[in-house]
Amino acid sequence: RFGLASTGWESDFGIAAMAACRFSAAVALLCSVLCCATTAETPKASLRGAASSVQAAVASPPAGAEASWMVLGDHQVAEDEGENLLTASGDLEFCKQLCSHLEGCKSFAFCGAQCFLKDGQVTPTSESVDNPHCTTYYRGVKTDATTTLAPDSEEPPECRSFTSVLVMNQGQQYSGNAEADIHGFVEMTLCTNGIMKATLQVDGGHSEIIATHIHHCEGGDSHQTRTAALCTGPPVVNFCGNNAASLIADGAKYSVACSGYNSADTSITEDVQGTFIPNWDILVTERVKDIFANPDMYYFNVHSLADFTHWYPAHVGVCRGPLKPETSVIATTTPAPGPVKCFSFYSQMSMNELQKYPGNPDSQASGYASFTLCTNGTLQGQALIFGGTTKLIAMHVHRCEGGDSPQTRTAELCEGSPVLNFCGDNSAGLIADGTSYLEACAPYGSLGASRTEHMMGAFVAGTNRGTTLAERVEDMVQNPQIYFFNAHSMASFNHWYPGVRGMARGPMELWTGA
């Protein structure tokens, strides 16, 4: 735990003495926007966090058999999917977790960055249709039978674009660093046939850039350290760098040297060819497909001679950033004439590094929430939480305040006041910020999940002094990285009192589309 001080908003509104801890049922959360997978265009929503796999059966397998997630075939979608229960943005493992905890979910169509959860029963013999973007997953029993492509078939290459905003990571800081203000940006195109290209710009550096890579996350004991926010892991693709002996060598050559800094302390290296690092038990096609499916598990890292010298023999890097699928932001507006604008957001939630403590009964809590926020005051959302055990007493959107690093200044690890309330318990002695919750959060159900649908949001007047609701919504659109959604449980309230850190949280992401 980083141990940041509480921002103090809770004392401003006079949270009273602790309430007695009340326990409810076991695990679960989720949320969404409905749509049909078979007609979905290529999704490009930005992701946060790969959830761990949860083995909760949707349908009981035959006695003695083990149920697992199966596919009808690559880019095959069931002809009869049933009704859409939920549409969510997330990686494959997260979508499996959501379906396992959503009442009535029997299958889902996974479309690279979104999933469409369905109630239709799917079997290995179900009729399917070709879909260039989506694949149906269902719970079934594995057999020895395998399906292979015909010998003369050849899968056409698929290419996708990614970006990465590079800043000095929390783990890359050290006293006396002359490049403390370094930052940059990279654009990449990655193809399943092994063609990879990138353009890199780095500003504020001074020493030679000696290596640039895409790294894959390994290990970690929190959402941040398991994913690209703060994870560590080996390089899997090289771009520009210095091939001199005794520098950073990983078994694959850098295609070109990185450009030097100009008089404005800017280095721009254009159209760099990527080099796949072959010393892992995975083919280049499989690696690129995994990046497509799990971009939050990969980060782009820049190494300078100065940081190499400081951290040797470790290779930490000087600035880095998570891979993001390239998106085009589209703000959806209401059909009625006039200036009212509505925007869609979502948040993938898990226990944050700041929220961990020994003996936490809600340590496995995670979930998903989605929102429609309008400048005329219409604030609506829905949330699905699973993995927790104690009563949910509050859910808010918070705005970051302060911080001394990119992580503690943004939604990954920041702290700040609530600006929008959603569901919660208005009982005296619990979490009060001067604005009432309009409804209670749903209790955990039979699958261990709490699903609160059609939550109406409330604008928190006290923490929004000097800012109108329309201005707050517009600021969220322009700066989603400084807002996070936070769920508070009775256990987290009791543990952190008089602080208010919450049980599980996630950055607010602006819903994007093609």
Protein backbone atom coordinates (compact mmCIF):
# COMPACT_ATOMS: atom_id res chain seq x y z
CA ARG A 1 0.00 0.00 0.00
CA PHE A 2 1.29 3.46 -0.91
CA GLY A 3 -0.20 4.99 2.24
CA LEU A 4 -1.39 8.31 0.81
CA ALA A 5 -3.07 10.63 3.27
CA SER A 6 -6.83 10.98 3.16
CA THR A 7 -8.03 14.04 1.27
CA GLY A 8 -10.28 14.97 4.16
CA TRP A 9 -13.55 15.33 2.26
CA GLU A 10 -15.22 12.97 4.72
CA SER A 11 -14.55 15.26 7.69
CA ASP A 12 -15.88 18.28 5.78
CA PHE A 13 -19.28 16.65 5.75
CA GLY A 14 -19.10 15.24 9.26
CA ILE A 15 -19.24 11.46 8.96
CA ALA A 16 -20.56 10.28 12.28
CA ALA A 17 -19.49 7.35 14.45
CA MET A 18 -19.00 3.96 12.84
CA ALA A 19 -22.07 1.88 12.22
CA ALA A 20 -22.18 -1.75 13.25
CA CYS A 21 -20.82 -4.06 10.57
CA ARG A 22 -23.58 -5.88 8.76
CA PHE A 23 -22.88 -8.78 6.46
CA SER A 24 -24.85 -9.83 3.40
CA ALA A 25 -24.48 -12.67 0.89
CA ALA A 26 -21.35 -13.54 -1.14
CA VAL A 27 -19.93 -12.26 -4.50
CA ALA A 28 -20.61 -10.24 -7.75
CA LEU A 29 -21.16 -7.05 -10.00
CA LEU A 30 -21.74 -5.81 -13.54
CA CYS A 31 -23.36 -3.36 -15.94
CA SER A 32 -23.94 -2.42 -19.56
CA VAL A 33 -25.51 -1.08 -22.72
CA LEU A 34 -27.49 -3.56 -24.81
CA CYS A 35 -26.72 -4.41 -28.43
CA CYS A 36 -26.49 -7.33 -30.83
CA ALA A 37 -23.12 -8.99 -31.24
CA THR A 38 -23.72 -10.28 -34.72
CA THR A 39 -24.01 -6.78 -36.08
CA ALA A 40 -21.40 -5.14 -33.88
CA GLU A 41 -18.67 -3.21 -35.61
CA THR A 42 -15.05 -3.59 -34.57
CA PRO A 43 -15.01 -2.38 -30.95
CA LYS A 44 -12.22 -0.08 -29.90
CA ALA A 45 -13.06 0.72 -26.31
CA SER A 46 -10.17 1.43 -24.00
CA LEU A 47 -9.65 -1.18 -21.35
CA ARG A 48 -8.55 -1.25 -17.72
CA GLY A 49 -7.61 -4.35 -15.96
CA ALA A 50 -7.65 -8.06 -16.73
CA ALA A 51 -9.78 -9.89 -14.25
CA SER A 52 -8.72 -13.28 -12.94
CA SER A 53 -10.62 -16.31 -14.21
CA VAL A 54 -13.54 -17.45 -12.08
CA GLN A 55 -14.79 -21.03 -12.41
CA ALA A 56 -18.50 -20.60 -11.71
CA ALA A 57 -20.57 -22.91 -13.88
CA VAL A 58 -23.51 -21.51 -15.78
CA ALA A 59 -24.88 -24.92 -16.71
CA SER A 60 -24.16 -28.17 -14.89
CA PRO A 61 -21.92 -30.54 -16.89
CA PRO A 62 -22.50 -34.30 -16.98
CA ALA A 63 -21.41 -36.17 -13.86
CA GLY A 64 -17.65 -36.59 -13.75
CA ALA A 65 -17.03 -34.08 -16.53
CA GLU A 66 -15.40 -30.69 -16.07
CA ALA A 67 -17.09 -27.63 -17.54
CA SER A 68 -14.95 -24.99 -19.19
CA TRP A 69 -15.32 -22.11 -21.60
CA MET A 70 -15.43 -23.28 -25.21
CA VAL A 71 -15.79 -21.63 -28.62
CA LEU A 72 -17.83 -22.56 -31.67
CA GLY A 73 -14.81 -21.65 -33.78
CA ASP A 74 -12.70 -18.59 -34.51
CA HIS A 75 -14.93 -15.74 -35.69
CA GLN A 76 -18.04 -17.92 -35.42
CA VAL A 77 -21.12 -16.50 -33.66
CA ALA A 78 -24.11 -18.62 -32.68
CA GLU A 79 -27.02 -18.15 -35.05
CA ASP A 80 -29.45 -18.22 -32.12
CA GLU A 81 -27.78 -16.28 -29.31
CA GLY A 82 -30.94 -15.55 -27.37
CA GLU A 83 -31.60 -12.18 -25.80
CA ASN A 84 -28.84 -9.73 -24.95
CA LEU A 85 -28.48 -9.40 -21.18
CA LEU A 86 -25.58 -7.00 -21.00
CA THR A 87 -22.94 -5.31 -23.12
CA ALA A 88 -19.60 -4.65 -21.43
CA SER A 89 -16.14 -3.44 -22.31
CA GLY A 90 -13.35 -5.71 -21.11
CA ASP A 91 -10.90 -8.46 -21.95
CA LEU A 92 -11.77 -12.14 -22.44
CA GLU A 93 -11.17 -13.26 -18.84
CA PHE A 94 -13.23 -10.35 -17.51
CA CYS A 95 -16.12 -11.26 -19.83
CA LYS A 96 -16.00 -14.88 -18.63
CA GLN A 97 -16.17 -13.59 -15.07
CA LEU A 98 -19.13 -11.35 -15.82
CA CYS A 99 -21.13 -14.12 -17.51
CA SER A 100 -20.37 -16.51 -14.64
CA HIS A 101 -21.96 -14.07 -12.19
CA LEU A 102 -24.85 -12.69 -14.26
CA GLU A 103 -28.16 -14.44 -13.66
CA GLY A 104 -29.32 -16.19 -16.85
CA CYS A 105 -26.08 -15.75 -18.83
CA LYS A 106 -25.29 -18.91 -20.81
CA SER A 107 -22.91 -17.59 -23.47
CA PHE A 108 -21.34 -14.41 -24.78
CA ALA A 109 -19.94 -13.02 -28.01
CA PHE A 110 -16.45 -11.62 -27.49
CA CYS A 111 -15.47 -8.92 -29.96
CA GLY A 112 -11.93 -7.98 -29.02
CA ALA A 113 -12.72 -5.16 -26.62
CA GLN A 114 -16.39 -5.74 -25.86
CA CYS A 115 -18.60 -8.67 -24.97
CA PHE A 116 -22.32 -9.25 -25.43
CA LEU A 117 -23.76 -11.50 -22.74
CA LYS A 118 -26.62 -13.74 -23.92
CA ASP A 119 -29.25 -16.04 -22.43
CA GLY A 120 -29.41 -18.49 -25.35
CA GLN A 121 -28.26 -22.08 -24.77
CA VAL A 122 -25.26 -22.87 -27.02
CA THR A 123 -23.85 -26.35 -27.65
CA PRO A 124 -21.05 -27.69 -29.87
CA THR A 125 -23.63 -28.48 -32.56
CA SER A 126 -25.31 -25.05 -32.54
CA GLU A 127 -25.59 -23.38 -35.93
CA SER A 128 -23.21 -20.47 -36.36
CA VAL A 129 -22.46 -17.64 -38.76
CA ASP A 130 -19.18 -16.04 -39.80
CA ASN A 131 -18.38 -12.80 -38.00
CA PRO A 132 -15.09 -11.01 -38.72
CA HIS A 133 -15.00 -9.36 -35.29
CA CYS A 134 -16.69 -11.68 -32.78
CA THR A 135 -16.55 -15.24 -31.42
CA THR A 136 -19.17 -17.01 -29.28
CA TYR A 137 -18.00 -18.51 -25.97
CA TYR A 138 -20.15 -20.94 -23.99
CA ARG A 139 -19.83 -23.30 -21.04
CA GLY A 140 -19.31 -26.89 -22.14
CA VAL A 141 -17.34 -30.07 -21.64
CA LYS A 142 -14.10 -30.55 -23.52
CA THR A 143 -13.73 -33.69 -25.61
CA ASP A 144 -10.78 -35.21 -27.41
CA ALA A 145 -12.13 -34.04 -30.74
CA THR A 146 -10.32 -31.11 -32.30
CA THR A 147 -11.18 -28.88 -35.17
CA THR A 148 -8.42 -27.79 -37.53
CA LEU A 149 -8.31 -25.62 -40.59
CA ALA A 150 -8.28 -27.38 -43.90
CA PRO A 151 -4.71 -27.84 -45.20
CA ASP A 152 -5.22 -25.37 -47.98
CA SER A 153 -6.88 -22.70 -45.84
CA GLU A 154 -4.95 -19.58 -44.81
CA GLU A 155 -6.17 -17.06 -42.27
CA PRO A 156 -5.85 -13.52 -43.65
CA PRO A 157 -3.66 -11.19 -41.54
CA GLU A 158 -5.39 -8.81 -39.16
CA CYS A 159 -3.89 -5.44 -38.24
CA ARG A 160 -4.83 -3.09 -35.41
CA SER A 161 -3.49 0.26 -34.23
CA PHE A 162 -2.47 1.15 -30.68
CA THR A 163 -1.15 4.19 -28.86
CA SER A 164 0.72 4.68 -25.60
CA VAL A 165 1.16 7.86 -23.58
CA LEU A 166 4.61 7.67 -21.96
CA VAL A 167 5.37 9.15 -18.55
CA MET A 168 7.81 8.37 -15.78
CA ASN A 169 6.25 5.47 -13.91
CA GLN A 170 5.92 5.35 -10.11
CA GLY A 171 8.54 2.60 -10.08
CA GLN A 172 10.97 4.49 -12.33
CA GLN A 173 11.50 7.51 -10.09
CA TYR A 174 14.74 8.02 -8.18
CA SER A 175 16.42 10.90 -6.39
CA GLY A 176 18.64 13.07 -8.58
CA ASN A 177 17.14 11.89 -11.87
CA ALA A 178 18.07 14.50 -14.49
CA GLU A 179 15.26 13.22 -16.75
CA ALA A 180 12.46 13.44 -14.19
CA ASP A 181 10.22 15.39 -16.59
CA ILE A 182 10.59 13.01 -19.54
CA HIS A 183 7.42 12.07 -21.41
CA GLY A 184 6.35 10.96 -24.85
CA PHE A 185 3.90 9.26 -27.17
CA VAL A 186 4.00 6.26 -29.48
CA GLU A 187 1.70 5.08 -32.27
CA MET A 188 1.86 1.43 -33.37
CA THR A 189 0.34 -0.84 -35.97
CA LEU A 190 0.58 -4.55 -35.16
CA CYS A 191 -0.37 -7.31 -37.61
CA THR A 192 -0.86 -11.03 -37.05
CA ASN A 193 1.51 -11.83 -39.94
CA GLY A 194 4.41 -10.30 -37.96
CA ILE A 195 4.48 -6.86 -39.55
CA MET A 196 4.84 -4.27 -36.77
CA LYS A 197 5.55 -0.57 -37.10
CA ALA A 198 5.78 2.35 -34.67
CA THR A 199 6.48 6.07 -34.54
CA LEU A 200 7.93 7.33 -31.26
CA GLN A 201 8.31 10.83 -29.83
CA VAL A 202 10.08 11.48 -26.53
CA ASP A 203 10.37 14.94 -24.93
CA GLY A 204 12.41 16.20 -22.00
CA GLY A 205 15.15 13.58 -22.12
CA HIS A 206 18.90 14.14 -22.30
CA SER A 207 20.76 10.84 -22.42
CA GLU A 208 20.75 8.43 -25.38
CA ILE A 209 17.65 6.26 -25.86
CA ILE A 210 19.20 2.79 -25.93
CA ALA A 211 16.13 0.52 -26.09
CA THR A 212 12.35 0.56 -26.70
CA HIS A 213 10.10 -2.46 -26.24
CA ILE A 214 6.60 -3.75 -25.74
CA HIS A 215 6.57 -5.67 -22.44
CA HIS A 216 4.11 -8.29 -21.18
CA CYS A 217 2.91 -8.13 -17.55
CA GLU A 218 3.75 -11.02 -15.23
CA GLY A 219 2.68 -11.61 -11.64
CA GLY A 220 1.55 -8.86 -9.29
CA ASP A 221 -0.71 -8.86 -6.24
CA SER A 222 -3.06 -5.99 -7.06
CA HIS A 223 -4.90 -4.62 -10.08
CA GLN A 224 -2.16 -2.04 -10.68
CA THR A 225 0.78 -4.45 -10.31
CA ARG A 226 -0.96 -7.13 -12.40
CA THR A 227 -1.70 -4.79 -15.30
CA ALA A 228 0.18 -2.20 -17.31
CA ALA A 229 -0.24 0.60 -14.76
CA LEU A 230 2.53 -0.72 -12.49
CA CYS A 231 3.29 -4.29 -13.60
CA THR A 232 6.66 -5.64 -14.64
CA GLY A 233 7.48 -8.30 -17.20
CA PRO A 234 9.72 -9.32 -20.10
CA PRO A 235 9.97 -7.55 -23.46
CA VAL A 236 8.16 -9.34 -26.28
CA VAL A 237 8.69 -6.92 -29.20
CA ASN A 238 11.71 -4.68 -29.85
CA PHE A 239 11.64 -1.42 -31.78
CA CYS A 240 14.54 1.07 -31.96
CA GLY A 241 17.62 0.71 -29.78
CA ASN A 242 21.38 0.32 -29.50
CA ASN A 243 22.73 -3.15 -30.34
CA ALA A 244 26.12 -2.50 -28.72
CA ALA A 245 27.44 -5.26 -26.47
CA SER A 246 26.80 -4.90 -22.72
CA LEU A 247 23.63 -2.81 -23.15
CA ILE A 248 20.09 -4.25 -23.14
CA ALA A 249 20.07 -7.47 -25.17
CA ASP A 250 17.08 -9.84 -25.24
CA GLY A 251 17.91 -12.15 -28.14
CA ALA A 252 16.45 -10.00 -30.93
CA LYS A 253 18.09 -7.06 -32.69
CA TYR A 254 16.71 -3.53 -32.63
CA SER A 255 15.81 -2.67 -36.22
CA VAL A 256 17.30 0.86 -36.09
CA ALA A 257 18.90 3.22 -33.62
CA CYS A 258 16.54 5.63 -31.87
CA SER A 259 16.85 9.24 -33.01
CA GLY A 260 18.91 11.65 -30.91
CA TYR A 261 17.44 14.69 -29.17
CA ASN A 262 17.25 17.96 -31.09
CA SER A 263 17.76 21.46 -29.67
CA ALA A 264 14.25 21.36 -28.18
CA ASP A 265 15.06 18.13 -26.28
CA THR A 266 12.77 16.10 -28.55
CA SER A 267 13.54 12.74 -30.13
CA ILE A 268 11.31 11.57 -33.01
CA THR A 269 11.86 8.12 -34.54
CA GLU A 270 9.43 7.43 -37.37
CA ASP A 271 8.23 4.18 -38.97
CA VAL A 272 10.35 1.86 -36.83
CA GLN A 273 10.00 -1.81 -37.72
CA GLY A 274 9.20 -4.03 -34.75
CA THR A 275 11.15 -7.23 -34.11
CA PHE A 276 9.43 -10.19 -32.46
CA ILE A 277 11.48 -11.70 -29.61
CA PRO A 278 11.38 -15.47 -30.30
CA ASN A 279 12.62 -16.81 -26.96
CA TRP A 280 9.12 -17.42 -25.57
CA ASP A 281 6.91 -20.44 -26.19
CA ILE A 282 4.50 -18.52 -28.39
CA LEU A 283 4.31 -17.67 -32.10
CA VAL A 284 4.22 -14.10 -33.35
CA THR A 285 0.61 -14.55 -34.53
CA GLU A 286 -0.43 -15.76 -31.08
CA ARG A 287 1.42 -12.91 -29.38
CA VAL A 288 -0.20 -10.24 -31.53
CA LYS A 289 -3.65 -11.80 -31.02
CA ASP A 290 -3.06 -11.76 -27.27
CA ILE A 291 -2.18 -8.06 -27.47
CA PHE A 292 -5.44 -7.52 -29.38
CA ALA A 293 -7.41 -9.36 -26.69
CA ASN A 294 -5.55 -8.09 -23.61
CA PRO A 295 -3.92 -4.71 -24.30
CA ASP A 296 -4.03 -3.82 -20.59
CA MET A 297 -1.46 -6.58 -20.01
CA TYR A 298 1.13 -4.86 -22.22
CA TYR A 299 3.10 -1.64 -21.91
CA PHE A 300 5.59 0.29 -24.05
CA ASN A 301 8.86 1.07 -22.27
CA VAL A 302 11.69 3.46 -23.15
CA HIS A 303 15.19 2.94 -21.70
CA SER A 304 17.85 5.67 -21.61
CA LEU A 305 21.56 5.35 -20.92
CA ALA A 306 21.06 7.31 -17.67
CA ASP A 307 18.37 5.03 -16.28
CA PHE A 308 20.28 1.95 -17.48
CA THR A 309 23.32 3.09 -15.51
CA HIS A 310 21.28 3.87 -12.41
CA TRP A 311 19.24 0.64 -12.27
CA TYR A 312 21.87 -1.80 -13.54
CA PRO A 313 21.72 -4.82 -13.53
CA ALA A 314 17.92 -4.37 -13.55
CA HIS A 315 16.28 -2.80 -16.61
CA VAL A 316 13.52 -0.52 -15.31
CA GLY A 317 13.28 2.14 -18.03
CA VAL A 318 12.85 5.90 -17.97
CA CYS A 319 9.23 6.31 -19.14
CA ARG A 320 6.44 3.93 -20.09
CA GLY A 321 2.72 3.67 -20.75
CA PRO A 322 -0.04 1.05 -21.17
CA LEU A 323 -1.03 0.05 -24.70
CA LYS A 324 -4.38 1.47 -25.74
CA PRO A 325 -6.41 0.40 -28.77
CA GLU A 326 -6.61 3.42 -31.05
CA THR A 327 -10.02 5.02 -30.65
CA SER A 328 -12.03 7.83 -32.13
CA VAL A 329 -14.01 9.61 -29.44
CA ILE A 330 -17.66 10.03 -30.31
CA ALA A 331 -19.93 12.00 -28.02
CA THR A 332 -23.51 10.83 -28.47
CA THR A 333 -26.17 13.48 -28.19
CA THR A 334 -29.85 13.20 -27.47
CA PRO A 335 -32.12 13.33 -30.53
CA ALA A 336 -34.06 16.28 -29.18
CA PRO A 337 -32.96 19.66 -30.51
CA GLY A 338 -31.02 22.02 -28.26
CA PRO A 339 -27.70 22.14 -26.43
CA VAL A 340 -28.21 19.07 -24.21
CA LYS A 341 -25.40 16.54 -24.66
CA CYS A 342 -25.17 13.02 -23.27
CA PHE A 343 -22.06 10.89 -22.92
CA SER A 344 -21.50 7.25 -22.07
CA PHE A 345 -18.84 6.07 -19.61
CA TYR A 346 -17.85 2.75 -18.09
CA SER A 347 -15.56 1.56 -15.30
CA GLN A 348 -13.91 -1.81 -14.68
CA MET A 349 -13.56 -2.14 -10.93
CA SER A 350 -11.25 -4.13 -8.70
CA MET A 351 -9.59 -3.76 -5.33
CA ASN A 352 -7.17 -0.87 -5.72
CA GLU A 353 -3.61 -0.90 -4.36
CA LEU A 354 -4.75 1.76 -1.87
CA GLN A 355 -7.68 -0.35 -0.64
CA LYS A 356 -5.80 -3.50 0.43
CA TYR A 357 -5.53 -4.54 4.07
CA PRO A 358 -4.95 -7.85 5.91
CA GLY A 359 -8.02 -9.92 6.70
CA ASN A 360 -10.25 -8.03 4.27
CA PRO A 361 -13.48 -10.04 3.73
CA ASP A 362 -14.04 -8.18 0.43
CA SER A 363 -10.52 -8.75 -0.94
CA GLN A 364 -11.82 -10.46 -4.10
CA ALA A 365 -14.35 -7.75 -4.97
CA SER A 366 -14.48 -6.55 -8.55
CA GLY A 367 -17.12 -5.47 -11.03
CA TYR A 368 -18.30 -3.32 -13.87
CA ALA A 369 -20.38 -0.16 -14.12
CA SER A 370 -21.70 1.92 -16.99
CA PHE A 371 -23.24 5.38 -17.10
CA THR A 372 -25.08 7.89 -19.24
CA LEU A 373 -24.31 11.42 -18.08
CA CYS A 374 -26.07 14.42 -19.64
CA THR A 375 -25.42 18.13 -19.35
CA ASN A 376 -29.09 18.75 -18.49
CA GLY A 377 -28.76 16.81 -15.22
CA THR A 378 -29.82 13.34 -16.35
CA LEU A 379 -27.37 10.99 -14.61
CA GLN A 380 -28.02 7.27 -14.87
CA GLY A 381 -25.94 4.15 -14.33
CA GLN A 382 -25.91 0.47 -13.52
CA ALA A 383 -23.39 -1.61 -11.63
CA LEU A 384 -22.58 -5.29 -11.17
CA ILE A 385 -20.30 -6.15 -8.21
CA PHE A 386 -19.03 -9.65 -7.38
CA GLY A 387 -16.43 -11.14 -5.05
CA GLY A 388 -17.44 -9.10 -2.01
CA THR A 389 -19.22 -10.33 1.10
CA THR A 390 -20.31 -7.30 3.12
CA LYS A 391 -23.13 -4.86 2.48
CA LEU A 392 -22.59 -2.19 -0.20
CA ILE A 393 -23.26 1.19 1.42
CA ALA A 394 -22.19 3.77 -1.17
CA MET A 395 -21.10 4.25 -4.79
CA HIS A 396 -19.69 7.52 -6.16
CA VAL A 397 -17.76 9.10 -9.00
CA HIS A 398 -14.69 10.81 -7.51
CA ARG A 399 -12.36 13.46 -8.94
CA CYS A 400 -8.60 13.23 -8.36
CA GLU A 401 -6.94 15.83 -6.15
CA GLY A 402 -3.20 16.40 -5.76
CA GLY A 403 -0.63 13.62 -6.17
CA ASP A 404 3.11 13.58 -6.80
CA SER A 405 3.38 11.06 -9.66
CA PRO A 406 1.43 10.18 -12.82
CA GLN A 407 -0.29 7.34 -10.94
CA THR A 408 -1.23 9.35 -7.84
CA ARG A 409 -2.39 12.29 -9.98
CA THR A 410 -4.68 10.14 -12.12
CA ALA A 411 -7.40 7.58 -11.50
CA GLU A 412 -5.01 4.64 -11.08
CA LEU A 413 -3.91 5.64 -7.56
CA CYS A 414 -5.26 9.12 -6.89
CA GLU A 415 -7.58 10.15 -4.09
CA GLY A 416 -10.24 12.83 -4.16
CA SER A 417 -13.75 13.93 -3.32
CA PRO A 418 -16.98 12.43 -4.67
CA VAL A 419 -18.65 14.63 -7.27
CA LEU A 420 -21.57 12.35 -8.21
CA ASN A 421 -23.49 10.01 -5.90
CA PHE A 422 -25.24 6.90 -7.15
CA CYS A 423 -26.68 4.20 -4.88
CA GLY A 424 -26.04 4.15 -1.14
CA ASP A 425 -27.34 3.96 2.41
CA ASN A 426 -28.52 7.26 3.91
CA SER A 427 -28.45 5.93 7.49
CA ALA A 428 -26.90 8.23 10.08
CA GLY A 429 -23.28 7.43 10.84
CA LEU A 430 -22.40 6.10 7.39
CA ILE A 431 -20.91 7.94 4.40
CA ALA A 432 -22.54 11.35 4.02
CA ASP A 433 -21.30 14.07 1.68
CA GLY A 434 -24.24 16.44 1.98
CA THR A 435 -26.21 14.93 -0.91
CA SER A 436 -28.58 12.00 -0.40
CA TYR A 437 -28.35 8.73 -2.31
CA LEU A 438 -31.47 8.32 -4.42
CA GLU A 439 -31.70 4.56 -3.86
CA ALA A 440 -30.05 1.73 -1.96
CA CYS A 441 -27.46 -0.52 -3.63
CA ALA A 442 -28.80 -3.98 -4.50
CA PRO A 443 -27.87 -6.83 -2.14
CA TYR A 444 -25.82 -9.81 -3.33
CA GLY A 445 -27.95 -12.44 -5.08
CA SER A 446 -27.85 -16.20 -5.62
CA LEU A 447 -24.77 -16.02 -7.88
CA GLY A 448 -22.92 -13.83 -5.41
CA ALA A 449 -23.44 -10.68 -7.45
CA SER A 450 -25.04 -7.33 -6.72
CA ARG A 451 -26.62 -5.76 -9.77
CA THR A 452 -28.08 -2.30 -9.27
CA GLU A 453 -29.86 -1.26 -12.46
CA HIS A 454 -31.15 2.15 -13.49
CA MET A 455 -29.31 4.02 -10.71
CA MET A 456 -30.09 7.70 -10.77
CA GLY A 457 -27.12 9.92 -10.00
CA ALA A 458 -27.08 12.99 -7.75
CA PHE A 459 -24.82 16.02 -8.20
CA VAL A 460 -22.84 16.60 -4.97
CA ALA A 461 -23.27 20.30 -4.33
CA GLY A 462 -20.64 20.62 -1.61
CA THR A 463 -17.72 19.28 -3.63
CA ASN A 464 -18.82 20.98 -6.85
CA ARG A 465 -18.83 24.54 -5.51
CA GLY A 466 -18.22 26.94 -8.38
CA THR A 467 -18.84 24.22 -11.00
CA THR A 468 -22.17 23.58 -12.69
CA LEU A 469 -23.38 20.07 -13.46
CA ALA A 470 -22.93 20.69 -17.21
CA GLU A 471 -19.35 21.88 -16.61
CA ARG A 472 -18.63 18.80 -14.49
CA VAL A 473 -19.90 16.44 -17.21
CA GLU A 474 -17.89 18.26 -19.87
CA ASP A 475 -14.78 18.07 -17.67
CA MET A 476 -15.27 14.31 -17.34
CA VAL A 477 -15.41 14.04 -21.13
CA GLN A 478 -12.23 16.08 -21.56
CA ASN A 479 -10.34 14.55 -18.60
CA PRO A 480 -11.72 11.06 -17.83
CA GLN A 481 -8.28 10.03 -16.52
CA ILE A 482 -8.79 12.08 -13.34
CA TYR A 483 -12.12 10.49 -12.39
CA PHE A 484 -12.80 7.10 -10.82
CA PHE A 485 -15.86 5.12 -9.71
CA ASN A 486 -15.67 3.80 -6.17
CA ALA A 487 -17.81 1.23 -4.31
CA HIS A 488 -17.79 1.26 -0.50
CA SER A 489 -18.73 -1.73 1.64
CA MET A 490 -19.52 -1.93 5.33
CA ALA A 491 -16.21 -3.72 5.96
CA SER A 492 -14.14 -1.10 4.12
CA PHE A 493 -16.01 1.69 5.93
CA ASN A 494 -15.29 0.14 9.33
CA HIS A 495 -11.63 -0.52 8.53
CA TRP A 496 -10.73 2.89 7.07
CA TYR A 497 -12.87 5.06 9.34
CA PRO A 498 -12.61 8.03 9.60
CA GLY A 499 -10.96 7.78 6.17
CA VAL A 500 -13.10 6.67 3.24
CA ARG A 501 -11.11 4.68 0.67
CA GLY A 502 -13.72 2.21 -0.47
CA MET A 503 -13.77 -1.49 -1.38
CA ALA A 504 -13.23 -1.59 -5.16
CA ARG A 505 -12.74 1.11 -7.77
CA GLY A 506 -11.84 1.74 -11.38
CA PRO A 507 -10.98 4.66 -13.70
CA MET A 508 -13.83 6.24 -15.61
CA GLU A 509 -13.50 5.51 -19.33
CA LEU A 510 -15.33 7.44 -22.05
CA TRP A 511 -17.26 4.97 -24.18
CA THR A 512 -15.90 5.14 -27.72
CA GLY A 513 -16.90 3.61 -31.02
CA ALA A 514 -16.17 3.50 -34.71
